[in-house]
Every structure is written in C-alpha cells, then in structure tokens.
Amino acid sequence: MVEDFIHEHSGDYKRRALWEALPRRMMYRTFRQIIEHLLESGTIALDCTGYVVWIHNPELFAQDHEREDLRIR
C-alpha cells in the first residue's frame, strides 16, 4: 500500500504528510520502518527539501543490464 501510494504521488509529500495522507491508517513506527527499507533498497529517495520521491525504474534496469559497455570488469 505504501509503495503504491508513493509511486502515484512521487514528490508531493514529505514523510509525515505522506503518512497522514495514506488511504488506511497504520502506526507511525511501522511506516518509518517501511520508509527506511525503501530508502536502503534504492526504491525511493528524499530530495534536498525532504520530499519523498520514487526512483525505482525496472524498465531502465532491464534495458541497461545486458549492455556489455556498462559491465564492471
């Protein structure tokens, strides 16, 4: 639920406002753990003003994954 909401509203909310805008309520501690996991996995990022932004792009990864010139040798 949180991932889908962030994906749809990328860059619209800061952390606290995002938690308050979720369609279903959840404990803030659980929300923080989800956000930390998404940050560590590279799915989301926080911009310089604190807004939560979706950065995961599987299509771009799949496209560039096969390129030999981008491989680490």
PDB file of N, CA and C in Angstrom:
ATOM      1  N   MET A   1       0.818  -1.183   0.000  1.00  0.00           N
ATOM      2  CA  MET A   1       0.000   0.000   0.000  1.00  0.00           C
ATOM      3  C   MET A   1       0.868   1.255   0.000  1.00  0.00           C
ATOM      4  N   VAL A   2       1.889   1.264   0.818  1.00  0.00           N
ATOM      5  CA  VAL A   2       2.755   2.442   0.920  1.00  0.00           C
ATOM      6  C   VAL A   2       3.527   2.650  -0.378  1.00  0.00           C
ATOM      7  N   GLU A   3       4.073   1.572  -0.935  1.00  0.00           N
ATOM      8  CA  GLU A   3       4.818   1.690  -2.194  1.00  0.00           C
ATOM      9  C   GLU A   3       3.946   2.235  -3.311  1.00  0.00           C
ATOM     10  N   ASP A   4       2.743   1.705  -3.444  1.00  0.00           N
ATOM     11  CA  ASP A   4       1.844   2.166  -4.498  1.00  0.00           C
ATOM     12  C   ASP A   4       1.491   3.637  -4.319  1.00  0.00           C
ATOM     13  N   PHE A   5       1.241   4.050  -3.087  1.00  0.00           N
ATOM     14  CA  PHE A   5       0.885   5.440  -2.827  1.00  0.00           C
ATOM     15  C   PHE A   5       2.050   6.371  -3.157  1.00  0.00           C
ATOM     16  N   ILE A   6       3.266   5.973  -2.773  1.00  0.00           N
ATOM     17  CA  ILE A   6       4.440   6.794  -3.077  1.00  0.00           C
ATOM     18  C   ILE A   6       4.654   6.872  -4.579  1.00  0.00           C
ATOM     19  N   HIS A   7       4.495   5.738  -5.273  1.00  0.00           N
ATOM     20  CA  HIS A   7       4.682   5.713  -6.724  1.00  0.00           C
ATOM     21  C   HIS A   7       3.702   6.665  -7.408  1.00  0.00           C
ATOM     22  N   GLU A   8       2.455   6.691  -6.962  1.00  0.00           N
ATOM     23  CA  GLU A   8       1.445   7.558  -7.563  1.00  0.00           C
ATOM     24  C   GLU A   8       1.638   9.026  -7.210  1.00  0.00           C
ATOM     25  N   HIS A   9       2.186   9.308  -6.035  1.00  0.00           N
ATOM     26  CA  HIS A   9       2.296  10.682  -5.542  1.00  0.00           C
ATOM     27  C   HIS A   9       3.756  11.076  -5.309  1.00  0.00           C
ATOM     28  N   SER A  10       4.620  10.684  -6.207  1.00  0.00           N
ATOM     29  CA  SER A  10       6.050  10.939  -6.059  1.00  0.00           C
ATOM     30  C   SER A  10       6.333  12.446  -6.025  1.00  0.00           C
ATOM     31  N   GLY A  11       7.009  12.875  -4.974  1.00  0.00           N
ATOM     32  CA  GLY A  11       7.406  14.270  -4.849  1.00  0.00           C
ATOM     33  C   GLY A  11       6.330  15.195  -4.319  1.00  0.00           C
ATOM     34  N   ASP A  12       5.182  14.660  -3.919  1.00  0.00           N
ATOM     35  CA  ASP A  12       4.087  15.501  -3.440  1.00  0.00           C
ATOM     36  C   ASP A  12       4.100  15.707  -1.932  1.00  0.00           C
ATOM     37  N   TYR A  13       4.694  14.776  -1.186  1.00  0.00           N
ATOM     38  CA  TYR A  13       4.606  14.802   0.271  1.00  0.00           C
ATOM     39  C   TYR A  13       5.967  14.631   0.918  1.00  0.00           C
ATOM     40  N   LYS A  14       6.098  15.222   2.111  1.00  0.00           N
ATOM     41  CA  LYS A  14       7.207  14.889   2.985  1.00  0.00           C
ATOM     42  C   LYS A  14       6.775  13.687   3.810  1.00  0.00           C
ATOM     43  N   ARG A  15       7.679  13.134   4.625  1.00  0.00           N
ATOM     44  CA  ARG A  15       7.383  11.892   5.348  1.00  0.00           C
ATOM     45  C   ARG A  15       6.108  11.958   6.188  1.00  0.00           C
ATOM     46  N   ARG A  16       6.027  12.923   7.060  1.00  0.00           N
ATOM     47  CA  ARG A  16       4.879  12.997   7.984  1.00  0.00           C
ATOM     48  C   ARG A  16       3.580  13.216   7.214  1.00  0.00           C
ATOM     49  N   ALA A  17       3.598  14.119   6.234  1.00  0.00           N
ATOM     50  CA  ALA A  17       2.393  14.384   5.438  1.00  0.00           C
ATOM     51  C   ALA A  17       1.996  13.155   4.622  1.00  0.00           C
ATOM     52  N   LEU A  18       2.981  12.404   4.161  1.00  0.00           N
ATOM     53  CA  LEU A  18       2.708  11.172   3.424  1.00  0.00           C
ATOM     54  C   LEU A  18       2.000  10.169   4.323  1.00  0.00           C
ATOM     55  N   TRP A  19       2.475  10.014   5.539  1.00  0.00           N
ATOM     56  CA  TRP A  19       1.847   9.101   6.493  1.00  0.00           C
ATOM     57  C   TRP A  19       0.402   9.516   6.770  1.00  0.00           C
ATOM     58  N   GLU A  20       0.162  10.806   6.915  1.00  0.00           N
ATOM     59  CA  GLU A  20      -1.186  11.297   7.187  1.00  0.00           C
ATOM     60  C   GLU A  20      -2.107  11.153   5.982  1.00  0.00           C
ATOM     61  N   ALA A  21      -1.551  11.121   4.763  1.00  0.00           N
ATOM     62  CA  ALA A  21      -2.359  11.049   3.549  1.00  0.00           C
ATOM     63  C   ALA A  21      -2.629   9.621   3.079  1.00  0.00           C
ATOM     64  N   LEU A  22      -2.042   8.633   3.725  1.00  0.00           N
ATOM     65  CA  LEU A  22      -2.268   7.247   3.313  1.00  0.00           C
ATOM     66  C   LEU A  22      -3.756   6.898   3.394  1.00  0.00           C
ATOM     67  N   PRO A  23      -4.246   6.060   2.469  1.00  0.00           N
ATOM     68  CA  PRO A  23      -5.670   5.723   2.476  1.00  0.00           C
ATOM     69  C   PRO A  23      -6.122   4.935   3.702  1.00  0.00           C
ATOM     70  N   ARG A  24      -5.221   4.155   4.309  1.00  0.00           N
ATOM     71  CA  ARG A  24      -5.543   3.421   5.535  1.00  0.00           C
ATOM     72  C   ARG A  24      -4.533   3.821   6.599  1.00  0.00           C
ATOM     73  N   ARG A  25      -4.985   3.860   7.832  1.00  0.00           N
ATOM     74  CA  ARG A  25      -4.105   4.246   8.937  1.00  0.00           C
ATOM     75  C   ARG A  25      -3.171   3.095   9.300  1.00  0.00           C
ATOM     76  N   MET A  26      -1.981   3.453   9.725  1.00  0.00           N
ATOM     77  CA  MET A  26      -1.029   2.487  10.260  1.00  0.00           C
ATOM     78  C   MET A  26      -0.210   3.194  11.321  1.00  0.00           C
ATOM     79  N   MET A  27       0.421   2.429  12.152  1.00  0.00           N
ATOM     80  CA  MET A  27       1.253   3.032  13.191  1.00  0.00           C
ATOM     81  C   MET A  27       2.443   3.721  12.538  1.00  0.00           C
ATOM     82  N   TYR A  28       2.849   4.857  13.122  1.00  0.00           N
ATOM     83  CA  TYR A  28       3.936   5.631  12.542  1.00  0.00           C
ATOM     84  C   TYR A  28       5.252   4.856  12.580  1.00  0.00           C
ATOM     85  N   ARG A  29       5.443   4.064  13.611  1.00  0.00           N
ATOM     86  CA  ARG A  29       6.678   3.277  13.715  1.00  0.00           C
ATOM     87  C   ARG A  29       6.780   2.277  12.557  1.00  0.00           C
ATOM     88  N   THR A  30       5.678   1.629  12.220  1.00  0.00           N
ATOM     89  CA  THR A  30       5.648   0.698  11.087  1.00  0.00           C
ATOM     90  C   THR A  30       5.926   1.444   9.791  1.00  0.00           C
ATOM     91  N   PHE A  31       5.310   2.604   9.643  1.00  0.00           N
ATOM     92  CA  PHE A  31       5.531   3.434   8.463  1.00  0.00           C
ATOM     93  C   PHE A  31       7.006   3.816   8.327  1.00  0.00           C
ATOM     94  N   ARG A  32       7.628   4.200   9.426  1.00  0.00           N
ATOM     95  CA  ARG A  32       9.049   4.564   9.394  1.00  0.00           C
ATOM     96  C   ARG A  32       9.915   3.393   8.968  1.00  0.00           C
ATOM     97  N   GLN A  33       9.602   2.186   9.432  1.00  0.00           N
ATOM     98  CA  GLN A  33      10.373   1.002   9.045  1.00  0.00           C
ATOM     99  C   GLN A  33      10.225   0.727   7.553  1.00  0.00           C
ATOM    100  N   ILE A  34       9.025   0.902   7.017  1.00  0.00           N
ATOM    101  CA  ILE A  34       8.811   0.712   5.585  1.00  0.00           C
ATOM    102  C   ILE A  34       9.609   1.740   4.795  1.00  0.00           C
ATOM    103  N   ILE A  35       9.573   2.987   5.214  1.00  0.00           N
ATOM    104  CA  ILE A  35      10.318   4.049   4.524  1.00  0.00           C
ATOM    105  C   ILE A  35      11.816   3.771   4.567  1.00  0.00           C
ATOM    106  N   GLU A  36      12.338   3.359   5.712  1.00  0.00           N
ATOM    107  CA  GLU A  36      13.763   3.042   5.822  1.00  0.00           C
ATOM    108  C   GLU A  36      14.144   1.892   4.900  1.00  0.00           C
ATOM    109  N   HIS A  37      13.310   0.876   4.818  1.00  0.00           N
ATOM    110  CA  HIS A  37      13.579  -0.250   3.919  1.00  0.00           C
ATOM    111  C   HIS A  37      13.598   0.212   2.463  1.00  0.00           C
ATOM    112  N   LEU A  38      12.640   1.039   2.072  1.00  0.00           N
ATOM    113  CA  LEU A  38      12.583   1.530   0.694  1.00  0.00           C
ATOM    114  C   LEU A  38      13.774   2.431   0.375  1.00  0.00           C
ATOM    115  N   LEU A  39      14.226   3.205   1.341  1.00  0.00           N
ATOM    116  CA  LEU A  39      15.411   4.044   1.139  1.00  0.00           C
ATOM    117  C   LEU A  39      16.660   3.185   0.953  1.00  0.00           C
ATOM    118  N   GLU A  40      16.825   2.174   1.792  1.00  0.00           N
ATOM    119  CA  GLU A  40      18.003   1.301   1.714  1.00  0.00           C
ATOM    120  C   GLU A  40      18.025   0.467   0.441  1.00  0.00           C
ATOM    121  N   SER A  41      16.859   0.100  -0.045  1.00  0.00           N
ATOM    122  CA  SER A  41      16.802  -0.727  -1.252  1.00  0.00           C
ATOM    123  C   SER A  41      16.900   0.095  -2.539  1.00  0.00           C
ATOM    124  N   GLY A  42      16.903   1.414  -2.427  1.00  0.00           N
ATOM    125  CA  GLY A  42      17.032   2.254  -3.608  1.00  0.00           C
ATOM    126  C   GLY A  42      15.738   2.438  -4.387  1.00  0.00           C
ATOM    127  N   THR A  43      14.623   2.181  -3.758  1.00  0.00           N
ATOM    128  CA  THR A  43      13.334   2.338  -4.418  1.00  0.00           C
ATOM    129  C   THR A  43      12.855   3.776  -4.339  1.00  0.00           C
ATOM    130  N   ILE A  44      13.116   4.445  -3.223  1.00  0.00           N
ATOM    131  CA  ILE A  44      12.746   5.842  -3.052  1.00  0.00           C
ATOM    132  C   ILE A  44      13.962   6.631  -2.606  1.00  0.00           C
ATOM    133  N   ALA A  45      13.826   7.947  -2.656  1.00  0.00           N
ATOM    134  CA  ALA A  45      14.868   8.835  -2.160  1.00  0.00           C
ATOM    135  C   ALA A  45      14.198  10.061  -1.561  1.00  0.00           C
ATOM    136  N   LEU A  46      14.937  10.799  -0.764  1.00  0.00           N
ATOM    137  CA  LEU A  46      14.454  12.066  -0.233  1.00  0.00           C
ATOM    138  C   LEU A  46      15.202  13.171  -0.956  1.00  0.00           C
ATOM    139  N   ASP A  47      14.471  14.145  -1.495  1.00  0.00           N
ATOM    140  CA  ASP A  47      15.161  15.241  -2.168  1.00  0.00           C
ATOM    141  C   ASP A  47      15.716  16.207  -1.120  1.00  0.00           C
ATOM    142  N   CYS A  48      16.354  17.269  -1.558  1.00  0.00           N
ATOM    143  CA  CYS A  48      17.046  18.175  -0.626  1.00  0.00           C
ATOM    144  C   CYS A  48      16.085  18.909   0.307  1.00  0.00           C
ATOM    145  N   THR A  49      14.806  18.979  -0.027  1.00  0.00           N
ATOM    146  CA  THR A  49      13.839  19.635   0.846  1.00  0.00           C
ATOM    147  C   THR A  49      13.035  18.647   1.687  1.00  0.00           C
ATOM    148  N   GLY A  50      13.295  17.342   1.552  1.00  0.00           N
ATOM    149  CA  GLY A  50      12.664  16.335   2.377  1.00  0.00           C
ATOM    150  C   GLY A  50      11.477  15.631   1.756  1.00  0.00           C
ATOM    151  N   TYR A  51      11.175  15.900   0.497  1.00  0.00           N
ATOM    152  CA  TYR A  51      10.058  15.235  -0.165  1.00  0.00           C
ATOM    153  C   TYR A  51      10.452  13.817  -0.585  1.00  0.00           C
ATOM    154  N   VAL A  52       9.502  12.905  -0.471  1.00  0.00           N
ATOM    155  CA  VAL A  52       9.721  11.503  -0.816  1.00  0.00           C
ATOM    156  C   VAL A  52       9.489  11.336  -2.314  1.00  0.00           C
ATOM    157  N   VAL A  53      10.492  10.777  -3.008  1.00  0.00           N
ATOM    158  CA  VAL A  53      10.450  10.660  -4.465  1.00  0.00           C
ATOM    159  C   VAL A  53      10.703   9.213  -4.868  1.00  0.00           C
ATOM    160  N   TRP A  54       9.900   8.693  -5.775  1.00  0.00           N
ATOM    161  CA  TRP A  54      10.049   7.342  -6.315  1.00  0.00           C
ATOM    162  C   TRP A  54      11.166   7.362  -7.350  1.00  0.00           C
ATOM    163  N   ILE A  55      12.190   6.499  -7.211  1.00  0.00           N
ATOM    164  CA  ILE A  55      13.297   6.486  -8.172  1.00  0.00           C
ATOM    165  C   ILE A  55      13.513   5.126  -8.815  1.00  0.00           C
ATOM    166  N   HIS A  56      12.775   4.112  -8.390  1.00  0.00           N
ATOM    167  CA  HIS A  56      12.946   2.758  -8.922  1.00  0.00           C
ATOM    168  C   HIS A  56      12.409   2.688 -10.344  1.00  0.00           C
ATOM    169  N   ASN A  57      13.229   2.175 -11.275  1.00  0.00           N
ATOM    170  CA  ASN A  57      12.827   2.090 -12.672  1.00  0.00           C
ATOM    171  C   ASN A  57      13.268   0.737 -13.230  1.00  0.00           C
ATOM    172  N   PRO A  58      12.445  -0.305 -13.102  1.00  0.00           N
ATOM    173  CA  PRO A  58      12.860  -1.636 -13.556  1.00  0.00           C
ATOM    174  C   PRO A  58      13.030  -1.734 -15.064  1.00  0.00           C
ATOM    175  N   GLU A  59      12.295  -0.943 -15.839  1.00  0.00           N
ATOM    176  CA  GLU A  59      12.440  -0.995 -17.292  1.00  0.00           C
ATOM    177  C   GLU A  59      13.826  -0.504 -17.718  1.00  0.00           C
ATOM    178  N   LEU A  60      14.279   0.574 -17.103  1.00  0.00           N
ATOM    179  CA  LEU A  60      15.614   1.102 -17.419  1.00  0.00           C
ATOM    180  C   LEU A  60      16.689   0.113 -16.986  1.00  0.00           C
ATOM    181  N   PHE A  61      16.514  -0.510 -15.831  1.00  0.00           N
ATOM    182  CA  PHE A  61      17.473  -1.500 -15.375  1.00  0.00           C
ATOM    183  C   PHE A  61      17.551  -2.671 -16.354  1.00  0.00           C
ATOM    184  N   ALA A  62      16.396  -3.178 -16.761  1.00  0.00           N
ATOM    185  CA  ALA A  62      16.373  -4.316 -17.693  1.00  0.00           C
ATOM    186  C   ALA A  62      17.021  -3.948 -19.027  1.00  0.00           C
ATOM    187  N   GLN A  63      16.810  -2.733 -19.457  1.00  0.00           N
ATOM    188  CA  GLN A  63      17.382  -2.273 -20.722  1.00  0.00           C
ATOM    189  C   GLN A  63      18.911  -2.178 -20.637  1.00  0.00           C
ATOM    190  N   ASP A  64      19.408  -1.644 -19.550  1.00  0.00           N
ATOM    191  CA  ASP A  64      20.849  -1.426 -19.418  1.00  0.00           C
ATOM    192  C   ASP A  64      21.597  -2.614 -18.835  1.00  0.00           C
ATOM    193  N   HIS A  65      20.894  -3.567 -18.264  1.00  0.00           N
ATOM    194  CA  HIS A  65      21.536  -4.711 -17.618  1.00  0.00           C
ATOM    195  C   HIS A  65      22.319  -5.568 -18.612  1.00  0.00           C
ATOM    196  N   GLU A  66      21.872  -5.661 -19.816  1.00  0.00           N
ATOM    197  CA  GLU A  66      22.508  -6.510 -20.822  1.00  0.00           C
ATOM    198  C   GLU A  66      23.642  -5.826 -21.589  1.00  0.00           C
ATOM    199  N   ARG A  67      23.838  -4.548 -21.401  1.00  0.00           N
ATOM    200  CA  ARG A  67      24.863  -3.829 -22.156  1.00  0.00           C
ATOM    201  C   ARG A  67      26.260  -4.184 -21.655  1.00  0.00           C
ATOM    202  N   GLU A  68      27.095  -4.633 -22.557  1.00  0.00           N
ATOM    203  CA  GLU A  68      28.463  -5.025 -22.203  1.00  0.00           C
ATOM    204  C   GLU A  68      29.317  -3.821 -21.818  1.00  0.00           C
ATOM    205  N   ASP A  69      29.090  -2.671 -22.431  1.00  0.00           N
ATOM    206  CA  ASP A  69      29.914  -1.495 -22.130  1.00  0.00           C
ATOM    207  C   ASP A  69      29.645  -0.917 -20.735  1.00  0.00           C
ATOM    208  N   LEU A  70      28.596  -1.359 -20.067  1.00  0.00           N
ATOM    209  CA  LEU A  70      28.296  -0.884 -18.713  1.00  0.00           C
ATOM    210  C   LEU A  70      28.693  -1.893 -17.639  1.00  0.00           C
ATOM    211  N   ARG A  71      29.253  -3.018 -18.019  1.00  0.00           N
ATOM    212  CA  ARG A  71      29.643  -4.042 -17.049  1.00  0.00           C
ATOM    213  C   ARG A  71      30.935  -3.663 -16.343  1.00  0.00           C
ATOM    214  N   ILE A  72      31.035  -4.070 -15.089  1.00  0.00           N
ATOM    215  CA  ILE A  72      32.267  -3.890 -14.326  1.00  0.00           C
ATOM    216  C   ILE A  72      33.197  -5.021 -14.690  1.00  0.00           C
ATOM    217  N   ARG A  73      34.400  -4.670 -15.050  1.00  0.00           N
ATOM    218  CA  ARG A  73      35.361  -5.697 -15.485  1.00  0.00           C
ATOM    219  C   ARG A  73      36.351  -6.007 -14.422  1.00  0.00           C
TER     220      ARG A  73
END
